[in-house]
Structure formats: C-alpha cells, structure tokens
Amino acid sequence: MLIYEGYHTYYIYIITNKSKTVFYTGVTNNLKIRLIQHKENITDGNKSFASKYKVEFLLYYEKFTWIQEAISREKEIKGWSRNKKIELIKTLNPDLDFLNNLFD
C-alpha cells in the first residue's frame, strides 16, 4: 500500500493588532478559518495571547506542503527579533498592509 503524504496545505502566518504593536506567529492548515477564529477571539476561551492583544490582522504568510516544515519554520520565526520579523514581512508586504482580504 502506497501512502501519499504532503498533499495538504499548511501555512505559517504573522498577524498583528490594529496599531501593529505586537506580532503573533502561528501555523494552520486553513488560514481563512484561522483568521476568522482570531477575529472572533474564540481560541482558548479568550485567554490566549492572540485574544488578549486583539491580533487578527494578517501581515505575512508562507505556504507549505509538509506540516513538519511549517512547524519548523514557525519555531524559527518565533525566535527572531521584532526587527527581523519586520524585514521578513516586508519581503512579501513592503507597506505592512493588512492581507486578510486575500482569504475572504
């Protein structure tokens, strides 16, 4: 029996609050639904970092086929300084615009 792995889509993403004072980096297999969850603050019963700081605005994302690669990249980015994250975001989104409408 041949098992096909990797025929899925996973995303790492960086979201922020309205004033862009904090960044949250996460991983998901459905970015559209995950953004809705952040917006509705339904994750962790409103006790999560994302809910506390009202981060819901997408600034950056990367797409992966393998969950292991997505998780590894998420961990890498989480360890970065704010300035390094901003540099990364600007490679895709030079004006730091909110990109949520790409997944509506």
C-alpha atoms as a PDB file:
ATOM      1  CA  MET A   1       0.000   0.000   0.000  1.00  0.00           C
ATOM      2  CA  LEU A   2       1.394   3.373  -1.034  1.00  0.00           C
ATOM      3  CA  ILE A   3       0.778   6.225   1.384  1.00  0.00           C
ATOM      4  CA  TYR A   4       0.720   9.706  -0.059  1.00  0.00           C
ATOM      5  CA  GLU A   5       1.974  12.326   2.326  1.00  0.00           C
ATOM      6  CA  GLY A   6       2.345  16.008   1.787  1.00  0.00           C
ATOM      7  CA  TYR A   7      -0.713  16.588  -0.385  1.00  0.00           C
ATOM      8  CA  HIS A   8      -2.019  19.129   2.033  1.00  0.00           C
ATOM      9  CA  THR A   9      -1.514  22.801   2.506  1.00  0.00           C
ATOM     10  CA  TYR A  10      -0.212  24.352   5.696  1.00  0.00           C
ATOM     11  CA  TYR A  11       0.542  27.955   6.424  1.00  0.00           C
ATOM     12  CA  ILE A  12       2.699  29.830   8.831  1.00  0.00           C
ATOM     13  CA  TYR A  13       1.415  33.312   9.381  1.00  0.00           C
ATOM     14  CA  ILE A  14       2.173  36.526  11.217  1.00  0.00           C
ATOM     15  CA  ILE A  15      -0.730  38.591  12.461  1.00  0.00           C
ATOM     16  CA  THR A  16      -0.834  41.823  14.400  1.00  0.00           C
ATOM     17  CA  ASN A  17      -3.219  44.169  16.160  1.00  0.00           C
ATOM     18  CA  LYS A  18      -4.704  47.316  14.616  1.00  0.00           C
ATOM     19  CA  SER A  19      -1.800  49.524  15.744  1.00  0.00           C
ATOM     20  CA  LYS A  20       0.850  46.915  14.770  1.00  0.00           C
ATOM     21  CA  THR A  21       2.425  46.913  18.229  1.00  0.00           C
ATOM     22  CA  VAL A  22       2.610  43.118  18.658  1.00  0.00           C
ATOM     23  CA  PHE A  23       3.152  40.152  16.349  1.00  0.00           C
ATOM     24  CA  TYR A  24       1.781  36.636  16.672  1.00  0.00           C
ATOM     25  CA  THR A  25       3.240  33.791  14.622  1.00  0.00           C
ATOM     26  CA  GLY A  26       1.198  30.644  14.119  1.00  0.00           C
ATOM     27  CA  VAL A  27       0.677  27.599  11.923  1.00  0.00           C
ATOM     28  CA  THR A  28      -2.567  26.258  10.466  1.00  0.00           C
ATOM     29  CA  ASN A  29      -3.956  24.078   7.698  1.00  0.00           C
ATOM     30  CA  ASN A  30      -6.750  26.557   6.912  1.00  0.00           C
ATOM     31  CA  LEU A  31      -5.688  30.179   7.035  1.00  0.00           C
ATOM     32  CA  LYS A  32      -9.134  31.565   6.226  1.00  0.00           C
ATOM     33  CA  ILE A  33     -10.793  29.770   9.155  1.00  0.00           C
ATOM     34  CA  ARG A  34      -7.892  30.533  11.483  1.00  0.00           C
ATOM     35  CA  LEU A  35      -8.144  34.257  10.739  1.00  0.00           C
ATOM     36  CA  ILE A  36     -11.867  34.132  11.490  1.00  0.00           C
ATOM     37  CA  GLN A  37     -11.126  32.376  14.789  1.00  0.00           C
ATOM     38  CA  HIS A  38      -8.628  35.058  15.756  1.00  0.00           C
ATOM     39  CA  LYS A  39     -11.113  37.770  14.830  1.00  0.00           C
ATOM     40  CA  GLU A  40     -13.862  36.210  16.879  1.00  0.00           C
ATOM     41  CA  ASN A  41     -11.500  35.568  19.798  1.00  0.00           C
ATOM     42  CA  ILE A  42     -12.814  32.054  20.206  1.00  0.00           C
ATOM     43  CA  THR A  43      -9.450  30.381  20.705  1.00  0.00           C
ATOM     44  CA  ASP A  44      -8.521  29.386  24.243  1.00  0.00           C
ATOM     45  CA  GLY A  45     -11.651  30.937  25.684  1.00  0.00           C
ATOM     46  CA  ASN A  46     -10.342  34.494  25.215  1.00  0.00           C
ATOM     47  CA  LYS A  47      -7.283  33.803  27.377  1.00  0.00           C
ATOM     48  CA  SER A  48      -4.732  33.350  24.604  1.00  0.00           C
ATOM     49  CA  PHE A  49      -2.028  35.827  23.629  1.00  0.00           C
ATOM     50  CA  ALA A  50      -3.840  36.470  20.369  1.00  0.00           C
ATOM     51  CA  SER A  51      -7.096  37.225  22.132  1.00  0.00           C
ATOM     52  CA  LYS A  52      -5.534  39.325  24.869  1.00  0.00           C
ATOM     53  CA  TYR A  53      -3.751  41.609  22.404  1.00  0.00           C
ATOM     54  CA  LYS A  54      -6.512  41.509  19.761  1.00  0.00           C
ATOM     55  CA  VAL A  55      -4.247  40.285  16.986  1.00  0.00           C
ATOM     56  CA  GLU A  56      -6.312  39.495  13.918  1.00  0.00           C
ATOM     57  CA  PHE A  57      -4.706  41.333  11.004  1.00  0.00           C
ATOM     58  CA  LEU A  58      -2.625  39.258   8.598  1.00  0.00           C
ATOM     59  CA  LEU A  59       0.727  40.740   7.611  1.00  0.00           C
ATOM     60  CA  TYR A  60       2.612  37.726   6.265  1.00  0.00           C
ATOM     61  CA  TYR A  61       2.215  34.068   5.371  1.00  0.00           C
ATOM     62  CA  GLU A  62       4.113  31.191   3.799  1.00  0.00           C
ATOM     63  CA  LYS A  63       2.628  28.050   2.286  1.00  0.00           C
ATOM     64  CA  PHE A  64       3.918  24.506   2.890  1.00  0.00           C
ATOM     65  CA  THR A  65       3.019  21.003   1.826  1.00  0.00           C
ATOM     66  CA  TRP A  66       4.599  19.289   4.822  1.00  0.00           C
ATOM     67  CA  ILE A  67       3.411  20.069   8.354  1.00  0.00           C
ATOM     68  CA  GLN A  68       6.874  19.332   9.752  1.00  0.00           C
ATOM     69  CA  GLU A  69       8.385  22.075   7.584  1.00  0.00           C
ATOM     70  CA  ALA A  70       5.663  24.530   8.596  1.00  0.00           C
ATOM     71  CA  ILE A  71       6.168  23.839  12.302  1.00  0.00           C
ATOM     72  CA  SER A  72       9.925  24.154  11.950  1.00  0.00           C
ATOM     73  CA  ARG A  73       9.574  27.492  10.161  1.00  0.00           C
ATOM     74  CA  GLU A  74       7.093  28.754  12.757  1.00  0.00           C
ATOM     75  CA  LYS A  75       9.545  27.944  15.557  1.00  0.00           C
ATOM     76  CA  GLU A  76      12.365  29.629  13.656  1.00  0.00           C
ATOM     77  CA  ILE A  77      10.405  32.851  13.171  1.00  0.00           C
ATOM     78  CA  LYS A  78       9.136  32.889  16.750  1.00  0.00           C
ATOM     79  CA  GLY A  79      12.762  33.064  17.890  1.00  0.00           C
ATOM     80  CA  TRP A  80      13.501  36.152  15.834  1.00  0.00           C
ATOM     81  CA  SER A  81      13.661  39.762  16.975  1.00  0.00           C
ATOM     82  CA  ARG A  82      10.870  42.158  16.063  1.00  0.00           C
ATOM     83  CA  ASN A  83      13.112  43.913  13.521  1.00  0.00           C
ATOM     84  CA  LYS A  84      13.993  40.647  11.784  1.00  0.00           C
ATOM     85  CA  LYS A  85      10.276  39.771  11.572  1.00  0.00           C
ATOM     86  CA  ILE A  86       9.549  43.181  10.043  1.00  0.00           C
ATOM     87  CA  GLU A  87      12.276  42.595   7.441  1.00  0.00           C
ATOM     88  CA  LEU A  88      10.689  39.239   6.575  1.00  0.00           C
ATOM     89  CA  ILE A  89       7.187  40.728   6.357  1.00  0.00           C
ATOM     90  CA  LYS A  90       8.440  43.443   4.008  1.00  0.00           C
ATOM     91  CA  THR A  91       9.693  40.811   1.516  1.00  0.00           C
ATOM     92  CA  LEU A  92       6.037  39.943   0.817  1.00  0.00           C
ATOM     93  CA  ASN A  93       4.286  43.042   2.084  1.00  0.00           C
ATOM     94  CA  PRO A  94       6.527  46.141   1.845  1.00  0.00           C
ATOM     95  CA  ASP A  95       3.911  48.559   3.213  1.00  0.00           C
ATOM     96  CA  LEU A  96       2.785  46.289   6.079  1.00  0.00           C
ATOM     97  CA  ASP A  97      -0.762  46.278   4.723  1.00  0.00           C
ATOM     98  CA  PHE A  98      -3.384  44.003   6.250  1.00  0.00           C
ATOM     99  CA  LEU A  99      -3.795  40.997   3.940  1.00  0.00           C
ATOM    100  CA  ASN A 100      -6.925  39.413   5.402  1.00  0.00           C
ATOM    101  CA  ASN A 101      -8.946  40.189   2.253  1.00  0.00           C
ATOM    102  CA  LEU A 102      -6.766  37.709   0.320  1.00  0.00           C
ATOM    103  CA  PHE A 103      -8.523  34.910   2.210  1.00  0.00           C
ATOM    104  CA  ASP A 104     -12.124  36.192   2.228  1.00  0.00           C
END
